[in-house]
Amino acid sequence: MHPRHRRVWMAGTSPAMTSKGSCGEGRRLGASVMYPTNLRISVTRYAGGPSLAVGRCGSRSTTIPPSIADDVAAIARIDAVARILEVVCRTTGMGFAAVARVTEDRWVACAVRDEIDFGLKPGGELAVKTTICDEIRDSGRAVVIDHVAEDSAFHGHHTPAQYGFQSYISAPIMLRGQFFGTLCAIDPNPARLTDTKALAMFELFAELIAAHLDAEQRVAQSEAALLDQREAAELREQFIAVLGHDLRNPLASIDAAGRLMKKTPLNDRAVALVDMMHQSVGRMAGLIDNVLDLARGRLGGGFVAERRAEPELARALEQVVTELRMGHPERRIDADIRFDRVVNADGRRLAQLLSNLIANALAHGSDSAPVKVRGVVTGDVLELSVANAGEPIPEAARERLFQPFSRAIVRPKQQGLGLGLWIAAEIAKAHDGAIEVTSDAKETRFTLRMPLAAAPAPAVAIPAE
């Protein structure tokens, strides 16, 4: 302990050596005393010089609001604060230093270094109107006092008289442009502060504390936002998964009922209605499959491709084209799928990918121009492309093409969930490939490129029609 930072020793029963509160209460101080927190500090003097004494009548027993308690905890989490307070005391020779949270009606100690038994602990309070920090909050400017008794502005100030200090320095801590509190220090003896670099040091440390607080707040906000997003996403996807499974049973019942009805004698209008019902069932089944793929992909960690030798892959992809031709007899779909070797892939998933790309082309392409499908192996890469004429895709919209539920943004007037392209892109990723898109006034083309694995046997080529 610094030689002049002595504890308060009481050797007799002189009135000058008892603590006095405004209510008249006094008590004798024995040996070495660490004062309890939340005490009003008053000055006493004796022949040896100034000392600090305390009175319980000024204590505050109110509960700290949660927001301020959080600020106290935030300061406590900054490891550098303890070192800052130590440096402050050692550099200035002052015996008490603190980081305080100061509001319009509260002064709360967040961190304390006490070498003079001032008595405050982290969380301890002083009446804010009895502090100079309250004036700093109003002015936003630091205060430096070398010697209260010789300072023209503060020699008659109530705060030094009440708390018994002769030297004082305090710098505001500004957090995101708002006053947070102060970094301050006091001592019962004078100190050389104004003609040194003490103020610059305090202001630098105050900025450092504010920077730490700002960084912690930003991290906390980011973590809270991320947690909210994760919880919302999990809830949504769990709901989607349950919904998808629950929809399958009634849809299967409708499909079975339609098939039974077609086996009974029906007039032409009834047959047309049953066919329409089957088409609606097929469309709903496709939507449910897409929804379940989304749920499995998100909740299960992504798509998994069961790659194996697929000697009939070209024929399977042609079957997809045939089915879509039957479903859209008014549209023309040209296909040229030729693979000169066996492809290691998940044939069912690649068929789904091609179906989604063609469905997208039929939905957004020009009715007067054909949809063109091409499949070929070039070197060690399989290429599968779908092209259509029509309006080009805006550049800004391309960034969201392969995101789920993006259709309302990319094509506001189109119906559907906007999952087809996302599922296609996920299937491509599962095959270590990617889908590229080009779009201009002439055509829009989606192209899958995926690397091939070695395969032992030649494949069957499907000639173009």
Protein backbone atom coordinates (compact mmCIF):
# COMPACT_ATOMS: atom_id res chain seq x y z
CA MET A 1 0.00 0.00 0.00
CA HIS A 2 1.20 3.47 -0.84
CA PRO A 3 2.53 5.12 2.36
CA ARG A 4 -0.08 7.83 2.33
CA HIS A 5 -2.94 5.44 1.60
CA ARG A 6 -3.25 4.43 5.23
CA ARG A 7 -6.32 2.89 6.75
CA VAL A 8 -8.39 4.85 9.29
CA TRP A 9 -7.05 4.19 12.77
CA MET A 10 -9.05 5.46 15.76
CA ALA A 11 -7.00 5.89 18.94
CA GLY A 12 -9.48 7.61 21.19
CA THR A 13 -13.02 8.73 21.70
CA SER A 14 -12.68 12.25 20.43
CA PRO A 15 -15.73 13.47 18.48
CA ALA A 16 -13.44 14.00 15.50
CA MET A 17 -12.73 10.30 15.48
CA THR A 18 -16.26 9.01 15.16
CA SER A 19 -18.36 8.67 12.06
CA LYS A 20 -21.34 10.98 11.97
CA GLY A 21 -24.43 10.74 9.85
CA SER A 22 -26.97 13.45 9.30
CA CYS A 23 -29.36 11.67 11.61
CA GLY A 24 -26.92 12.03 14.51
CA GLU A 25 -25.84 8.40 14.63
CA GLY A 26 -22.19 7.84 15.47
CA ARG A 27 -20.00 4.81 16.11
CA ARG A 28 -16.44 4.29 17.15
CA LEU A 29 -14.13 2.91 14.46
CA GLY A 30 -11.67 0.31 15.69
CA ALA A 31 -8.35 -0.85 14.24
CA SER A 32 -8.58 -1.41 10.47
CA VAL A 33 -12.04 -1.10 8.96
CA MET A 34 -13.41 -2.14 5.54
CA TYR A 35 -16.61 -0.16 5.31
CA PRO A 36 -19.77 -1.90 4.19
CA THR A 37 -21.12 -0.99 0.77
CA ASN A 38 -23.83 1.60 0.20
CA LEU A 39 -22.64 4.08 2.82
CA ARG A 40 -22.65 7.86 2.81
CA ILE A 41 -19.07 9.05 3.16
CA SER A 42 -18.38 12.16 5.28
CA VAL A 43 -15.10 13.89 6.08
CA THR A 44 -13.39 14.03 9.46
CA ARG A 45 -10.07 15.63 10.26
CA TYR A 46 -7.42 15.14 12.91
CA ALA A 47 -3.86 16.24 13.54
CA GLY A 48 -2.38 13.71 11.17
CA GLY A 49 -4.28 15.06 8.15
CA PRO A 50 -7.48 14.16 6.31
CA SER A 51 -9.19 10.81 6.62
CA LEU A 52 -12.42 9.22 5.46
CA ALA A 53 -15.26 8.27 7.73
CA VAL A 54 -18.69 6.87 7.02
CA GLY A 55 -22.29 7.26 8.17
CA ARG A 56 -25.04 4.70 7.66
CA CYS A 57 -27.80 7.27 7.25
CA GLY A 58 -26.78 7.88 3.64
CA SER A 59 -26.89 4.22 2.62
CA ARG A 60 -29.17 3.12 -0.21
CA SER A 61 -31.04 -0.17 0.03
CA THR A 62 -32.89 0.03 -3.29
CA THR A 63 -32.59 -2.80 -5.77
CA ILE A 64 -30.45 -2.18 -8.84
CA PRO A 65 -32.59 -2.26 -12.02
CA PRO A 66 -31.89 -5.27 -14.29
CA SER A 67 -30.48 -3.06 -17.07
CA ILE A 68 -27.89 -1.54 -14.74
CA ALA A 69 -27.14 -4.93 -13.19
CA ASP A 70 -26.43 -6.18 -16.72
CA ASP A 71 -24.04 -3.25 -17.25
CA VAL A 72 -22.22 -4.07 -14.00
CA ALA A 73 -21.91 -7.68 -15.15
CA ALA A 74 -20.67 -6.56 -18.58
CA ILE A 75 -17.86 -4.52 -17.02
CA ALA A 76 -16.98 -7.48 -14.80
CA ARG A 77 -16.51 -9.63 -17.91
CA ILE A 78 -13.87 -7.28 -19.32
CA ASP A 79 -10.60 -8.68 -18.02
CA ALA A 80 -8.71 -5.51 -18.90
CA VAL A 81 -10.68 -3.35 -16.45
CA ALA A 82 -8.88 -4.65 -13.34
CA ARG A 83 -5.54 -3.93 -14.98
CA ILE A 84 -6.72 -0.47 -16.04
CA LEU A 85 -7.69 0.43 -12.48
CA GLU A 86 -4.36 -0.84 -11.19
CA VAL A 87 -2.46 1.27 -13.73
CA VAL A 88 -4.58 4.31 -12.85
CA CYS A 89 -3.76 4.02 -9.15
CA ARG A 90 -0.07 3.33 -9.69
CA THR A 91 0.37 6.10 -12.26
CA THR A 92 -1.49 8.84 -10.40
CA GLY A 93 -0.67 7.71 -6.85
CA MET A 94 -4.38 7.87 -6.00
CA GLY A 95 -5.91 5.32 -3.69
CA PHE A 96 -9.37 4.71 -5.12
CA ALA A 97 -10.36 4.15 -8.74
CA ALA A 98 -13.63 2.91 -10.21
CA VAL A 99 -15.68 2.42 -13.32
CA ALA A 100 -19.17 3.75 -12.57
CA ARG A 101 -22.46 3.38 -14.38
CA VAL A 102 -24.13 6.76 -14.14
CA THR A 103 -27.70 7.54 -15.12
CA GLU A 104 -30.02 10.40 -14.31
CA ASP A 105 -30.91 8.85 -10.97
CA ARG A 106 -28.26 6.19 -10.23
CA TRP A 107 -24.52 6.01 -9.55
CA VAL A 108 -23.45 2.38 -9.36
CA ALA A 109 -19.90 1.08 -9.04
CA CYS A 110 -19.16 -1.51 -11.75
CA ALA A 111 -15.50 -2.18 -10.92
CA VAL A 112 -13.41 -0.87 -8.01
CA ARG A 113 -9.82 -0.72 -6.83
CA ASP A 114 -9.82 0.49 -3.23
CA GLU A 115 -6.52 1.08 -1.40
CA ILE A 116 -7.92 3.60 1.11
CA ASP A 117 -10.88 1.67 2.55
CA PHE A 118 -13.38 3.94 0.84
CA GLY A 119 -15.85 1.11 1.26
CA LEU A 120 -17.51 0.68 -2.13
CA LYS A 121 -17.69 -2.68 -3.84
CA PRO A 122 -18.95 -3.55 -7.36
CA GLY A 123 -22.70 -3.00 -7.27
CA GLY A 124 -22.40 -0.41 -4.48
CA GLU A 125 -24.20 2.89 -4.92
CA LEU A 126 -23.82 6.56 -4.10
CA ALA A 127 -26.58 9.12 -4.34
CA VAL A 128 -26.00 10.43 -7.84
CA LYS A 129 -26.70 14.07 -6.95
CA THR A 130 -23.88 13.98 -4.42
CA THR A 131 -21.31 13.10 -7.11
CA ILE A 132 -19.33 15.12 -9.63
CA CYS A 133 -20.03 12.34 -12.12
CA ASP A 134 -23.58 13.67 -12.31
CA GLU A 135 -22.21 16.97 -13.60
CA ILE A 136 -19.96 15.13 -16.06
CA ARG A 137 -23.02 13.31 -17.38
CA ASP A 138 -24.64 16.68 -18.11
CA SER A 139 -21.56 18.32 -19.63
CA GLY A 140 -19.87 15.34 -21.27
CA ARG A 141 -16.47 16.76 -20.23
CA ALA A 142 -13.78 15.34 -17.96
CA VAL A 143 -12.99 16.92 -14.57
CA VAL A 144 -9.51 17.12 -13.04
CA ILE A 145 -8.77 18.46 -9.54
CA ASP A 146 -5.24 18.51 -8.15
CA HIS A 147 -6.09 20.01 -4.78
CA VAL A 148 -9.66 20.80 -3.80
CA ALA A 149 -8.66 23.38 -1.18
CA GLU A 150 -6.80 25.40 -3.82
CA ASP A 151 -9.18 24.85 -6.75
CA SER A 152 -11.24 27.93 -7.56
CA ALA A 153 -14.12 25.92 -9.03
CA PHE A 154 -14.37 23.12 -6.45
CA HIS A 155 -12.97 24.41 -3.15
CA GLY A 156 -16.52 25.01 -1.89
CA HIS A 157 -18.17 22.16 -3.76
CA HIS A 158 -20.40 19.87 -1.72
CA THR A 159 -19.00 16.59 -3.13
CA PRO A 160 -15.37 16.89 -1.86
CA ALA A 161 -16.70 18.12 1.48
CA GLN A 162 -19.07 15.18 1.78
CA TYR A 163 -16.69 12.43 0.65
CA GLY A 164 -13.46 13.82 2.04
CA PHE A 165 -11.19 13.80 -0.99
CA GLN A 166 -8.66 16.42 -2.08
CA SER A 167 -7.73 15.10 -5.53
CA TYR A 168 -10.12 13.89 -8.20
CA ILE A 169 -10.09 12.90 -11.87
CA SER A 170 -12.91 11.52 -13.97
CA ALA A 171 -13.42 10.95 -17.72
CA PRO A 172 -16.75 10.12 -19.39
CA ILE A 173 -17.28 6.73 -21.01
CA MET A 174 -19.29 7.23 -24.21
CA LEU A 175 -20.93 4.12 -25.67
CA ARG A 176 -22.23 4.51 -29.22
CA GLY A 177 -22.54 8.24 -28.72
CA GLN A 178 -24.45 7.90 -25.44
CA PHE A 179 -23.15 8.57 -21.94
CA PHE A 180 -22.53 5.29 -20.12
CA GLY A 181 -20.64 6.36 -17.02
CA THR A 182 -17.20 7.41 -15.87
CA LEU A 183 -13.71 6.19 -15.17
CA CYS A 184 -12.80 8.07 -12.00
CA ALA A 185 -10.29 8.20 -9.18
CA ILE A 186 -10.13 10.02 -5.81
CA ASP A 187 -7.70 10.38 -2.94
CA PRO A 188 -7.79 12.17 0.45
CA ASN A 189 -4.52 13.91 -0.42
CA PRO A 190 -3.62 16.29 -3.25
CA ALA A 191 -2.11 14.82 -6.43
CA ARG A 192 -0.34 16.21 -9.48
CA LEU A 193 -2.75 15.61 -12.35
CA THR A 194 -3.27 18.68 -14.53
CA ASP A 195 0.36 19.13 -15.57
CA THR A 196 0.84 15.43 -16.41
CA LYS A 197 -0.58 13.09 -19.01
CA ALA A 198 -3.10 11.67 -16.56
CA LEU A 199 -6.18 13.05 -18.35
CA ALA A 200 -5.03 11.69 -21.72
CA MET A 201 -4.51 8.30 -20.09
CA PHE A 202 -8.00 8.38 -18.51
CA GLU A 203 -9.63 9.36 -21.80
CA LEU A 204 -7.79 6.58 -23.63
CA PHE A 205 -8.82 4.01 -21.03
CA ALA A 206 -12.42 5.29 -21.16
CA GLU A 207 -12.45 4.76 -24.94
CA LEU A 208 -10.96 1.29 -24.49
CA ILE A 209 -13.68 0.32 -22.00
CA ALA A 210 -16.36 1.67 -24.33
CA ALA A 211 -14.89 -0.32 -27.22
CA HIS A 212 -14.98 -3.52 -25.15
CA LEU A 213 -18.60 -2.86 -24.16
CA ASP A 214 -19.58 -2.13 -27.74
CA ALA A 215 -17.94 -5.32 -29.00
CA GLU A 216 -19.64 -7.40 -26.31
CA GLN A 217 -23.04 -5.86 -27.07
CA ARG A 218 -22.65 -6.52 -30.78
CA VAL A 219 -21.68 -10.13 -30.16
CA ALA A 220 -24.59 -10.59 -27.76
CA GLN A 221 -27.03 -9.06 -30.27
CA SER A 222 -25.68 -11.24 -33.06
CA GLU A 223 -25.94 -14.37 -30.93
CA ALA A 224 -29.49 -13.48 -29.86
CA ALA A 225 -30.53 -12.81 -33.46
CA LEU A 226 -28.92 -16.06 -34.61
CA LEU A 227 -30.65 -18.00 -31.87
CA ASP A 228 -34.01 -16.46 -32.79
CA GLN A 229 -33.47 -17.32 -36.45
CA ARG A 230 -32.47 -20.88 -35.63
CA GLU A 231 -35.47 -21.40 -33.38
CA ALA A 232 -37.81 -19.94 -35.99
CA ALA A 233 -36.27 -22.05 -38.75
CA GLU A 234 -36.43 -25.24 -36.69
CA LEU A 235 -40.04 -24.60 -35.73
CA ARG A 236 -40.98 -23.87 -39.34
CA GLU A 237 -39.23 -26.90 -40.72
CA GLN A 238 -40.59 -29.23 -38.05
CA PHE A 239 -44.06 -27.92 -38.85
CA ILE A 240 -43.43 -28.49 -42.56
CA ALA A 241 -42.25 -32.05 -41.94
CA VAL A 242 -45.31 -32.92 -39.84
CA LEU A 243 -47.61 -31.21 -42.32
CA GLY A 244 -46.08 -33.09 -45.24
CA HIS A 245 -46.51 -36.47 -43.59
CA ASP A 246 -50.06 -35.73 -42.46
CA LEU A 247 -51.09 -34.68 -45.96
CA ARG A 248 -49.98 -37.95 -47.55
CA ASN A 249 -52.69 -40.10 -45.96
CA PRO A 250 -55.77 -38.12 -47.10
CA LEU A 251 -54.19 -37.59 -50.51
CA ALA A 252 -53.67 -41.34 -50.91
CA SER A 253 -57.31 -41.88 -50.00
CA ILE A 254 -58.45 -39.41 -52.65
CA ASP A 255 -56.24 -41.08 -55.25
CA ALA A 256 -57.57 -44.54 -54.37
CA ALA A 257 -61.16 -43.31 -54.52
CA GLY A 258 -60.54 -41.82 -57.96
CA ARG A 259 -59.11 -45.08 -59.27
CA LEU A 260 -62.13 -47.02 -57.97
CA MET A 261 -64.49 -44.53 -59.60
CA LYS A 262 -62.80 -45.01 -62.99
CA LYS A 263 -63.58 -48.73 -62.77
CA THR A 264 -67.31 -48.00 -62.58
CA PRO A 265 -69.50 -46.89 -65.51
CA LEU A 266 -69.27 -43.09 -65.80
CA ASN A 267 -70.54 -40.59 -68.31
CA ASP A 268 -68.10 -38.40 -70.20
CA ARG A 269 -68.35 -35.45 -67.80
CA ALA A 270 -67.71 -37.69 -64.78
CA VAL A 271 -64.67 -39.21 -66.49
CA ALA A 272 -63.31 -35.71 -67.17
CA LEU A 273 -63.84 -34.75 -63.52
CA VAL A 274 -62.06 -37.89 -62.29
CA ASP A 275 -59.14 -37.19 -64.64
CA MET A 276 -58.97 -33.63 -63.35
CA MET A 277 -58.98 -34.98 -59.80
CA HIS A 278 -56.07 -37.30 -60.63
CA GLN A 279 -54.12 -34.40 -62.10
CA SER A 280 -54.70 -32.35 -58.94
CA VAL A 281 -53.64 -35.29 -56.80
CA GLY A 282 -50.45 -35.63 -58.83
CA ARG A 283 -49.68 -31.93 -58.47
CA MET A 284 -50.33 -32.01 -54.72
CA ALA A 285 -48.16 -35.12 -54.36
CA GLY A 286 -45.34 -33.26 -56.10
CA LEU A 287 -45.71 -30.31 -53.76
CA ILE A 288 -45.67 -32.60 -50.73
CA ASP A 289 -42.54 -34.37 -52.01
CA ASN A 290 -40.82 -31.00 -52.39
CA VAL A 291 -41.85 -29.94 -48.90
CA LEU A 292 -40.58 -33.19 -47.41
CA ASP A 293 -37.33 -32.86 -49.32
CA LEU A 294 -36.93 -29.40 -47.80
CA ALA A 295 -37.56 -30.74 -44.31
CA ARG A 296 -35.20 -33.68 -44.78
CA GLY A 297 -32.53 -31.47 -46.33
CA ARG A 298 -32.65 -28.88 -43.56
CA LEU A 299 -33.33 -31.07 -40.53
CA GLY A 300 -31.25 -34.03 -41.73
CA GLY A 301 -28.13 -32.09 -42.66
CA GLY A 302 -28.68 -31.94 -46.42
CA PHE A 303 -29.36 -34.27 -49.32
CA VAL A 304 -27.50 -37.57 -49.64
CA ALA A 305 -26.95 -39.07 -53.09
CA GLU A 306 -26.84 -42.87 -53.21
CA ARG A 307 -24.41 -43.04 -56.13
CA ARG A 308 -24.09 -46.29 -58.05
CA ALA A 309 -23.59 -47.39 -61.63
CA GLU A 310 -26.64 -46.34 -63.65
CA PRO A 311 -26.48 -47.99 -67.11
CA GLU A 312 -30.08 -46.94 -67.80
CA LEU A 313 -29.73 -43.32 -66.66
CA ALA A 314 -30.37 -41.84 -70.11
CA ARG A 315 -33.52 -43.93 -70.49
CA ALA A 316 -34.74 -42.87 -67.02
CA LEU A 317 -34.25 -39.20 -67.88
CA GLU A 318 -36.10 -39.69 -71.17
CA GLN A 319 -38.98 -41.18 -69.18
CA VAL A 320 -39.15 -37.94 -67.18
CA VAL A 321 -39.40 -35.97 -70.44
CA THR A 322 -42.16 -38.29 -71.70
CA GLU A 323 -44.22 -37.86 -68.53
CA LEU A 324 -43.97 -34.08 -68.73
CA ARG A 325 -44.96 -34.14 -72.39
CA MET A 326 -48.09 -36.08 -71.43
CA GLY A 327 -48.82 -33.61 -68.64
CA HIS A 328 -48.37 -30.61 -70.98
CA PRO A 329 -49.62 -31.76 -74.37
CA GLU A 330 -49.88 -28.16 -75.58
CA ARG A 331 -46.15 -27.60 -75.12
CA ARG A 332 -43.20 -28.86 -77.13
CA ILE A 333 -40.25 -30.44 -75.34
CA ASP A 334 -37.21 -31.40 -77.44
CA ALA A 335 -34.74 -33.83 -75.83
CA ASP A 336 -31.31 -35.06 -76.85
CA ILE A 337 -29.80 -37.19 -74.09
CA ARG A 338 -26.69 -39.20 -75.02
CA PHE A 339 -24.31 -40.72 -72.48
CA ASP A 340 -21.40 -42.71 -73.96
CA ARG A 341 -20.56 -44.45 -70.72
CA VAL A 342 -22.10 -45.63 -67.46
CA VAL A 343 -22.62 -42.83 -64.99
CA ASN A 344 -22.22 -43.31 -61.26
CA ALA A 345 -25.10 -41.33 -59.80
CA ASP A 346 -28.35 -41.49 -57.88
CA GLY A 347 -30.64 -42.01 -60.86
CA ARG A 348 -33.84 -41.29 -58.96
CA ARG A 349 -32.48 -37.97 -57.70
CA LEU A 350 -31.15 -36.91 -61.11
CA ALA A 351 -34.57 -37.69 -62.58
CA GLN A 352 -36.11 -35.45 -59.92
CA LEU A 353 -33.58 -32.72 -60.72
CA LEU A 354 -34.41 -32.85 -64.44
CA SER A 355 -38.15 -32.88 -63.70
CA ASN A 356 -37.83 -29.75 -61.59
CA LEU A 357 -35.77 -27.92 -64.22
CA ILE A 358 -38.21 -28.78 -67.01
CA ALA A 359 -41.20 -27.83 -64.83
CA ASN A 360 -39.52 -24.49 -64.15
CA ALA A 361 -38.97 -23.94 -67.90
CA LEU A 362 -42.60 -24.80 -68.67
CA ALA A 363 -43.83 -22.44 -65.98
CA HIS A 364 -41.69 -19.44 -66.93
CA GLY A 365 -40.78 -19.98 -70.59
CA SER A 366 -42.53 -18.78 -73.72
CA ASP A 367 -45.53 -20.90 -74.78
CA SER A 368 -44.60 -20.46 -78.45
CA ALA A 369 -41.05 -21.82 -78.20
CA PRO A 370 -39.92 -25.36 -77.32
CA VAL A 371 -38.18 -26.36 -74.11
CA LYS A 372 -34.83 -27.89 -75.04
CA VAL A 373 -33.28 -30.67 -72.97
CA ARG A 374 -29.72 -31.85 -73.63
CA GLY A 375 -27.61 -34.46 -71.83
CA VAL A 376 -24.03 -35.33 -72.70
CA VAL A 377 -20.77 -36.50 -71.16
CA THR A 378 -17.83 -34.27 -72.01
CA GLY A 379 -14.52 -35.56 -70.76
CA ASP A 380 -15.08 -36.50 -67.12
CA VAL A 381 -18.08 -34.24 -66.64
CA LEU A 382 -21.77 -34.94 -67.12
CA GLU A 383 -23.73 -31.99 -68.47
CA LEU A 384 -27.51 -31.83 -68.33
CA SER A 385 -29.17 -28.61 -69.49
CA VAL A 386 -32.71 -27.25 -69.88
CA ALA A 387 -33.31 -24.13 -71.97
CA ASN A 388 -36.39 -22.05 -72.72
CA ALA A 389 -37.23 -18.80 -74.49
CA GLY A 390 -38.97 -15.94 -72.74
CA GLU A 391 -38.23 -12.96 -70.55
CA PRO A 392 -34.74 -13.00 -69.05
CA ILE A 393 -34.29 -13.41 -65.31
CA PRO A 394 -33.30 -10.08 -63.69
CA GLU A 395 -29.71 -10.03 -62.49
CA ALA A 396 -30.75 -9.14 -58.92
CA ALA A 397 -33.15 -12.11 -58.80
CA ARG A 398 -30.52 -14.68 -59.83
CA GLU A 399 -28.86 -14.53 -56.41
CA ARG A 400 -32.03 -15.92 -54.83
CA LEU A 401 -33.04 -18.42 -57.50
CA PHE A 402 -31.76 -21.43 -55.58
CA GLN A 403 -33.07 -20.39 -52.17
CA PRO A 404 -36.26 -21.99 -50.80
CA PHE A 405 -39.45 -19.92 -50.74
CA SER A 406 -37.91 -17.33 -53.06
CA ARG A 407 -40.55 -17.46 -55.80
CA ALA A 408 -42.54 -14.56 -54.32
CA ILE A 409 -39.45 -12.39 -54.75
CA VAL A 410 -38.25 -13.68 -58.14
CA ARG A 411 -41.67 -14.24 -59.77
CA PRO A 412 -44.34 -12.54 -57.61
CA LYS A 413 -47.30 -13.67 -59.76
CA GLN A 414 -46.31 -17.34 -60.03
CA GLN A 415 -47.96 -19.96 -57.86
CA GLY A 416 -46.08 -22.59 -55.86
CA LEU A 417 -43.62 -22.73 -53.00
CA GLY A 418 -40.48 -21.99 -54.95
CA LEU A 419 -38.75 -25.20 -53.82
CA GLY A 420 -38.07 -26.85 -57.19
CA LEU A 421 -34.84 -25.03 -58.04
CA TRP A 422 -33.59 -25.26 -54.46
CA ILE A 423 -34.10 -29.04 -54.48
CA ALA A 424 -32.38 -29.31 -57.86
CA ALA A 425 -29.39 -27.34 -56.56
CA GLU A 426 -29.19 -29.54 -53.44
CA ILE A 427 -29.25 -32.69 -55.58
CA ALA A 428 -26.42 -31.25 -57.68
CA LYS A 429 -24.38 -30.53 -54.53
CA ALA A 430 -24.96 -34.09 -53.33
CA HIS A 431 -23.31 -35.24 -56.58
CA ASP A 432 -20.38 -32.83 -56.06
CA GLY A 433 -21.76 -30.74 -58.92
CA ALA A 434 -23.45 -27.39 -59.41
CA ILE A 435 -26.17 -25.77 -61.48
CA GLU A 436 -25.27 -22.72 -63.52
CA VAL A 437 -27.79 -20.31 -65.00
CA THR A 438 -27.48 -17.96 -67.95
CA SER A 439 -30.32 -15.73 -69.06
CA ASP A 440 -30.69 -13.13 -71.79
CA ALA A 441 -33.30 -11.98 -74.28
CA LYS A 442 -32.66 -15.06 -76.46
CA GLU A 443 -32.93 -17.87 -73.88
CA THR A 444 -32.65 -18.91 -70.25
CA ARG A 445 -30.55 -22.01 -69.63
CA PHE A 446 -29.97 -24.06 -66.48
CA THR A 447 -26.99 -26.44 -66.73
CA LEU A 448 -25.97 -29.17 -64.32
CA ARG A 449 -22.28 -30.01 -64.36
CA MET A 450 -21.12 -32.91 -62.20
CA PRO A 451 -17.87 -34.89 -62.16
CA LEU A 452 -18.04 -38.55 -63.07
CA ALA A 453 -16.75 -41.52 -61.11
CA ALA A 454 -15.09 -44.39 -62.95
CA ALA A 455 -17.56 -46.97 -64.26
CA PRO A 456 -16.77 -50.41 -65.71
CA ALA A 457 -19.22 -50.84 -68.57
CA PRO A 458 -20.59 -48.89 -71.56
CA ALA A 459 -24.01 -47.32 -71.29
CA VAL A 460 -27.06 -47.48 -73.52
CA ALA A 461 -27.50 -44.30 -75.57
CA ILE A 462 -30.99 -42.95 -76.23
CA PRO A 463 -31.21 -41.35 -79.69
CA ALA A 464 -32.77 -37.92 -80.06
CA GLU A 465 -36.28 -37.70 -81.47
